[in-house]
Amino acid sequence: MSTLDSLRRTIDGLKCSLERFMNNGSVDVGCCPLGWDPFTSSCFLFSRQSLSWHEARDFCNGQQGHLAVLLTDKDWDFVTRHTSGTFYWIGLTDERGSWEWVNQTPYAMNRRSEWMPGQPDAWTRHGLGLGDEDCAHLHFDGRLNDLHCSTRLRFVCQRHSVRS
């Protein structure tokens, strides 16, 4: 796998060099791998495939990233503009007892308007086995809903952009 990672980093670097050349030596934001969207100092991948929350987390980790962590209003607005109309997993979970991001940043529930009405509700009557709804996804309209982590949804990965 390290050969594939090395090849991926080489291609990312070449893409950055080409982008810098095409922009006369300047790039406003860092370069992102092919298929990823740059925004501020991050790159975002909006998946077309559906995976469980844990599978999506592992996929993003394998891409040198993580499920999206939306700490700023700008990041929140960027991601929700791109996910409108479809459910997408993001990196928010309460599997350890309180809501936190996949990078262990605590989630401050200071904007209740981020959640669908009545959410999060940790519903258990979903028929999906033991456990309640420990993973958060973006709903059709960009607000949050908690859902059983085994549900297969599209997902958003995030990683730092490359500066080379």
C-alpha atoms as a PDB file:
ATOM      1  CA  MET A   1       0.000   0.000   0.000  1.00  0.00           C
ATOM      2  CA  SER A   2       2.907   2.397   0.577  1.00  0.00           C
ATOM      3  CA  THR A   3       3.748   2.313  -3.174  1.00  0.00           C
ATOM      4  CA  LEU A   4       0.201   3.405  -3.961  1.00  0.00           C
ATOM      5  CA  ASP A   5       0.396   6.175  -1.336  1.00  0.00           C
ATOM      6  CA  SER A   6       3.714   7.343  -2.757  1.00  0.00           C
ATOM      7  CA  LEU A   7       2.290   7.404  -6.284  1.00  0.00           C
ATOM      8  CA  ARG A   8      -0.786   9.313  -5.043  1.00  0.00           C
ATOM      9  CA  ARG A   9       1.418  11.938  -3.347  1.00  0.00           C
ATOM     10  CA  THR A  10       3.525  12.289  -6.516  1.00  0.00           C
ATOM     11  CA  ILE A  11       0.414  12.840  -8.645  1.00  0.00           C
ATOM     12  CA  ASP A  12      -0.927  15.376  -6.108  1.00  0.00           C
ATOM     13  CA  GLY A  13       2.388  17.253  -6.255  1.00  0.00           C
ATOM     14  CA  LEU A  14       2.409  17.262 -10.060  1.00  0.00           C
ATOM     15  CA  LYS A  15      -1.161  18.564 -10.100  1.00  0.00           C
ATOM     16  CA  CYS A  16      -0.141  21.385  -7.747  1.00  0.00           C
ATOM     17  CA  SER A  17       2.861  22.238  -9.911  1.00  0.00           C
ATOM     18  CA  LEU A  18       0.695  22.308 -13.044  1.00  0.00           C
ATOM     19  CA  GLU A  19      -1.930  24.466 -11.318  1.00  0.00           C
ATOM     20  CA  ARG A  20       0.759  26.868 -10.082  1.00  0.00           C
ATOM     21  CA  PHE A  21       2.261  27.072 -13.614  1.00  0.00           C
ATOM     22  CA  MET A  22      -1.159  27.745 -15.158  1.00  0.00           C
ATOM     23  CA  ASN A  23      -1.762  30.547 -12.613  1.00  0.00           C
ATOM     24  CA  ASN A  24       1.604  32.264 -13.190  1.00  0.00           C
ATOM     25  CA  GLY A  25       3.132  30.982  -9.986  1.00  0.00           C
ATOM     26  CA  SER A  26       0.307  31.694  -7.593  1.00  0.00           C
ATOM     27  CA  VAL A  27      -2.347  29.466  -6.131  1.00  0.00           C
ATOM     28  CA  ASP A  28      -4.951  31.069  -3.868  1.00  0.00           C
ATOM     29  CA  VAL A  29      -5.681  27.876  -1.996  1.00  0.00           C
ATOM     30  CA  GLY A  30      -3.717  24.691  -1.693  1.00  0.00           C
ATOM     31  CA  CYS A  31      -3.990  21.943  -4.252  1.00  0.00           C
ATOM     32  CA  CYS A  32      -6.340  19.024  -3.818  1.00  0.00           C
ATOM     33  CA  PRO A  33      -6.267  15.492  -5.212  1.00  0.00           C
ATOM     34  CA  LEU A  34      -8.240  14.872  -8.387  1.00  0.00           C
ATOM     35  CA  GLY A  35     -11.954  14.721  -7.616  1.00  0.00           C
ATOM     36  CA  TRP A  36     -11.645  16.747  -4.399  1.00  0.00           C
ATOM     37  CA  ASP A  37     -12.990  20.307  -4.080  1.00  0.00           C
ATOM     38  CA  PRO A  38     -10.700  22.952  -2.555  1.00  0.00           C
ATOM     39  CA  PHE A  39     -12.095  25.334   0.039  1.00  0.00           C
ATOM     40  CA  THR A  40      -9.962  27.557   2.315  1.00  0.00           C
ATOM     41  CA  SER A  41      -7.122  25.307   3.535  1.00  0.00           C
ATOM     42  CA  SER A  42      -9.066  22.054   3.087  1.00  0.00           C
ATOM     43  CA  CYS A  43     -10.081  19.672   0.343  1.00  0.00           C
ATOM     44  CA  PHE A  44     -13.511  18.033   0.385  1.00  0.00           C
ATOM     45  CA  LEU A  45     -14.625  14.841  -1.326  1.00  0.00           C
ATOM     46  CA  PHE A  46     -18.375  14.418  -1.796  1.00  0.00           C
ATOM     47  CA  SER A  47     -18.846  10.688  -2.316  1.00  0.00           C
ATOM     48  CA  ARG A  48     -21.129   9.116  -4.880  1.00  0.00           C
ATOM     49  CA  GLN A  49     -21.092   5.751  -3.124  1.00  0.00           C
ATOM     50  CA  SER A  50     -22.989   4.840   0.034  1.00  0.00           C
ATOM     51  CA  LEU A  51     -21.262   3.305   3.051  1.00  0.00           C
ATOM     52  CA  SER A  52     -22.011   2.863   6.748  1.00  0.00           C
ATOM     53  CA  TRP A  53     -20.614   5.609   8.975  1.00  0.00           C
ATOM     54  CA  HIS A  54     -17.702   3.389  10.107  1.00  0.00           C
ATOM     55  CA  GLU A  55     -16.900   2.317   6.539  1.00  0.00           C
ATOM     56  CA  ALA A  56     -17.009   5.965   5.435  1.00  0.00           C
ATOM     57  CA  ARG A  57     -14.710   6.952   8.315  1.00  0.00           C
ATOM     58  CA  ASP A  58     -12.234   4.225   7.305  1.00  0.00           C
ATOM     59  CA  PHE A  59     -12.432   5.222   3.627  1.00  0.00           C
ATOM     60  CA  CYS A  60     -11.662   8.865   4.452  1.00  0.00           C
ATOM     61  CA  ASN A  61      -8.789   7.833   6.735  1.00  0.00           C
ATOM     62  CA  GLY A  62      -7.384   5.769   3.849  1.00  0.00           C
ATOM     63  CA  GLN A  63      -7.382   8.938   1.723  1.00  0.00           C
ATOM     64  CA  GLN A  64      -5.177  10.770   4.273  1.00  0.00           C
ATOM     65  CA  GLY A  65      -8.255  12.588   5.563  1.00  0.00           C
ATOM     66  CA  HIS A  66     -11.263  12.141   7.826  1.00  0.00           C
ATOM     67  CA  LEU A  67     -15.013  12.504   7.700  1.00  0.00           C
ATOM     68  CA  ALA A  68     -15.806  16.216   7.460  1.00  0.00           C
ATOM     69  CA  VAL A  69     -15.354  18.290  10.622  1.00  0.00           C
ATOM     70  CA  LEU A  70     -17.363  21.495  10.267  1.00  0.00           C
ATOM     71  CA  LEU A  71     -16.011  23.913  12.850  1.00  0.00           C
ATOM     72  CA  THR A  72     -16.632  27.193  11.042  1.00  0.00           C
ATOM     73  CA  ASP A  73     -19.751  28.716   9.517  1.00  0.00           C
ATOM     74  CA  LYS A  74     -17.852  29.006   6.211  1.00  0.00           C
ATOM     75  CA  ASP A  75     -17.072  25.264   6.154  1.00  0.00           C
ATOM     76  CA  TRP A  76     -20.649  24.464   7.199  1.00  0.00           C
ATOM     77  CA  ASP A  77     -22.102  26.627   4.413  1.00  0.00           C
ATOM     78  CA  PHE A  78     -19.705  25.234   1.783  1.00  0.00           C
ATOM     79  CA  VAL A  79     -20.497  21.617   2.616  1.00  0.00           C
ATOM     80  CA  THR A  80     -24.265  22.075   2.943  1.00  0.00           C
ATOM     81  CA  ARG A  81     -24.376  23.842  -0.439  1.00  0.00           C
ATOM     82  CA  HIS A  82     -22.790  20.743  -1.993  1.00  0.00           C
ATOM     83  CA  THR A  83     -24.927  18.166  -0.150  1.00  0.00           C
ATOM     84  CA  SER A  84     -28.348  19.745  -0.563  1.00  0.00           C
ATOM     85  CA  GLY A  85     -31.004  17.221  -1.526  1.00  0.00           C
ATOM     86  CA  THR A  86     -29.161  14.080  -0.340  1.00  0.00           C
ATOM     87  CA  PHE A  87     -28.205  12.550   3.008  1.00  0.00           C
ATOM     88  CA  TYR A  88     -24.436  12.643   3.730  1.00  0.00           C
ATOM     89  CA  TRP A  89     -22.456  11.321   6.695  1.00  0.00           C
ATOM     90  CA  ILE A  90     -20.124  13.795   8.360  1.00  0.00           C
ATOM     91  CA  GLY A  91     -17.630  13.203  11.153  1.00  0.00           C
ATOM     92  CA  LEU A  92     -19.928  13.754  14.125  1.00  0.00           C
ATOM     93  CA  THR A  93     -20.775  10.973  16.593  1.00  0.00           C
ATOM     94  CA  ASP A  94     -21.846  10.411  20.185  1.00  0.00           C
ATOM     95  CA  GLU A  95     -20.602   6.810  20.411  1.00  0.00           C
ATOM     96  CA  ARG A  96     -18.470   7.763  23.423  1.00  0.00           C
ATOM     97  CA  GLY A  97     -21.408   9.347  25.270  1.00  0.00           C
ATOM     98  CA  SER A  98     -21.362  12.940  24.047  1.00  0.00           C
ATOM     99  CA  TRP A  99     -21.333  14.503  20.599  1.00  0.00           C
ATOM    100  CA  GLU A 100     -17.835  15.035  19.245  1.00  0.00           C
ATOM    101  CA  TRP A 101     -16.076  15.267  15.908  1.00  0.00           C
ATOM    102  CA  VAL A 102     -13.911  12.412  14.597  1.00  0.00           C
ATOM    103  CA  ASN A 103     -10.795  14.384  15.575  1.00  0.00           C
ATOM    104  CA  GLN A 104     -12.087  14.391  19.203  1.00  0.00           C
ATOM    105  CA  THR A 105     -13.063  18.077  19.070  1.00  0.00           C
ATOM    106  CA  PRO A 106     -16.138  18.425  21.301  1.00  0.00           C
ATOM    107  CA  TYR A 107     -19.268  19.466  19.462  1.00  0.00           C
ATOM    108  CA  ALA A 108     -20.765  22.616  20.960  1.00  0.00           C
ATOM    109  CA  MET A 109     -24.503  22.367  20.445  1.00  0.00           C
ATOM    110  CA  ASN A 110     -24.860  26.132  20.560  1.00  0.00           C
ATOM    111  CA  ARG A 111     -26.854  26.418  17.362  1.00  0.00           C
ATOM    112  CA  ARG A 112     -29.934  24.219  17.794  1.00  0.00           C
ATOM    113  CA  SER A 113     -30.997  25.322  14.317  1.00  0.00           C
ATOM    114  CA  GLU A 114     -28.292  22.976  12.984  1.00  0.00           C
ATOM    115  CA  TRP A 115     -30.502  19.994  13.895  1.00  0.00           C
ATOM    116  CA  MET A 116     -33.807  18.855  12.446  1.00  0.00           C
ATOM    117  CA  PRO A 117     -36.697  19.546  14.851  1.00  0.00           C
ATOM    118  CA  GLY A 118     -36.678  17.048  17.736  1.00  0.00           C
ATOM    119  CA  GLN A 119     -33.152  15.861  16.962  1.00  0.00           C
ATOM    120  CA  PRO A 120     -30.930  14.356  18.138  1.00  0.00           C
ATOM    121  CA  ASP A 121     -33.288  11.785  19.602  1.00  0.00           C
ATOM    122  CA  ALA A 122     -31.203   8.549  19.926  1.00  0.00           C
ATOM    123  CA  TRP A 123     -34.135   6.541  18.538  1.00  0.00           C
ATOM    124  CA  THR A 124     -33.908   2.780  19.183  1.00  0.00           C
ATOM    125  CA  ARG A 125     -36.957   1.384  17.355  1.00  0.00           C
ATOM    126  CA  HIS A 126     -35.223   1.256  13.965  1.00  0.00           C
ATOM    127  CA  GLY A 127     -35.005  -2.553  13.925  1.00  0.00           C
ATOM    128  CA  LEU A 128     -31.288  -2.512  13.132  1.00  0.00           C
ATOM    129  CA  GLY A 129     -30.128  -4.435  16.178  1.00  0.00           C
ATOM    130  CA  LEU A 130     -28.670  -3.159  19.415  1.00  0.00           C
ATOM    131  CA  GLY A 131     -27.838   0.471  19.908  1.00  0.00           C
ATOM    132  CA  ASP A 132     -29.366   3.796  19.171  1.00  0.00           C
ATOM    133  CA  GLU A 133     -28.554   6.536  16.703  1.00  0.00           C
ATOM    134  CA  ASP A 134     -24.948   7.493  17.419  1.00  0.00           C
ATOM    135  CA  CYS A 135     -23.879   9.028  14.098  1.00  0.00           C
ATOM    136  CA  ALA A 136     -24.875  12.339  12.532  1.00  0.00           C
ATOM    137  CA  HIS A 137     -25.667  13.021   8.906  1.00  0.00           C
ATOM    138  CA  LEU A 138     -26.686  16.051   6.940  1.00  0.00           C
ATOM    139  CA  HIS A 139     -30.373  15.888   6.044  1.00  0.00           C
ATOM    140  CA  PHE A 140     -31.805  16.941   2.652  1.00  0.00           C
ATOM    141  CA  ASP A 141     -31.892  20.583   3.752  1.00  0.00           C
ATOM    142  CA  GLY A 142     -28.421  20.643   5.377  1.00  0.00           C
ATOM    143  CA  ARG A 143     -29.573  20.274   8.979  1.00  0.00           C
ATOM    144  CA  LEU A 144     -28.353  17.452  11.194  1.00  0.00           C
ATOM    145  CA  ASN A 145     -30.114  14.237  12.119  1.00  0.00           C
ATOM    146  CA  ASP A 146     -28.822  11.352  14.226  1.00  0.00           C
ATOM    147  CA  LEU A 147     -29.071   7.931  12.627  1.00  0.00           C
ATOM    148  CA  HIS A 148     -27.991   4.344  13.284  1.00  0.00           C
ATOM    149  CA  CYS A 149     -24.346   4.122  12.170  1.00  0.00           C
ATOM    150  CA  SER A 150     -24.941   0.992  10.066  1.00  0.00           C
ATOM    151  CA  THR A 151     -27.174   2.888   7.628  1.00  0.00           C
ATOM    152  CA  ARG A 152     -25.525   3.289   4.223  1.00  0.00           C
ATOM    153  CA  LEU A 153     -25.307   6.911   3.053  1.00  0.00           C
ATOM    154  CA  ARG A 154     -23.076   9.081   0.926  1.00  0.00           C
ATOM    155  CA  PHE A 155     -20.362  10.859   2.914  1.00  0.00           C
ATOM    156  CA  VAL A 156     -18.041  13.877   2.944  1.00  0.00           C
ATOM    157  CA  CYS A 157     -14.284  13.453   3.451  1.00  0.00           C
ATOM    158  CA  GLN A 158     -11.987  16.325   4.357  1.00  0.00           C
ATOM    159  CA  ARG A 159      -8.221  16.702   4.284  1.00  0.00           C
ATOM    160  CA  HIS A 160      -5.664  19.501   4.332  1.00  0.00           C
ATOM    161  CA  SER A 161      -4.759  20.908   0.956  1.00  0.00           C
ATOM    162  CA  VAL A 162      -1.225  20.390  -0.348  1.00  0.00           C
ATOM    163  CA  ARG A 163       1.074  23.377  -0.642  1.00  0.00           C
ATOM    164  CA  SER A 164       3.982  22.568  -2.902  1.00  0.00           C
END
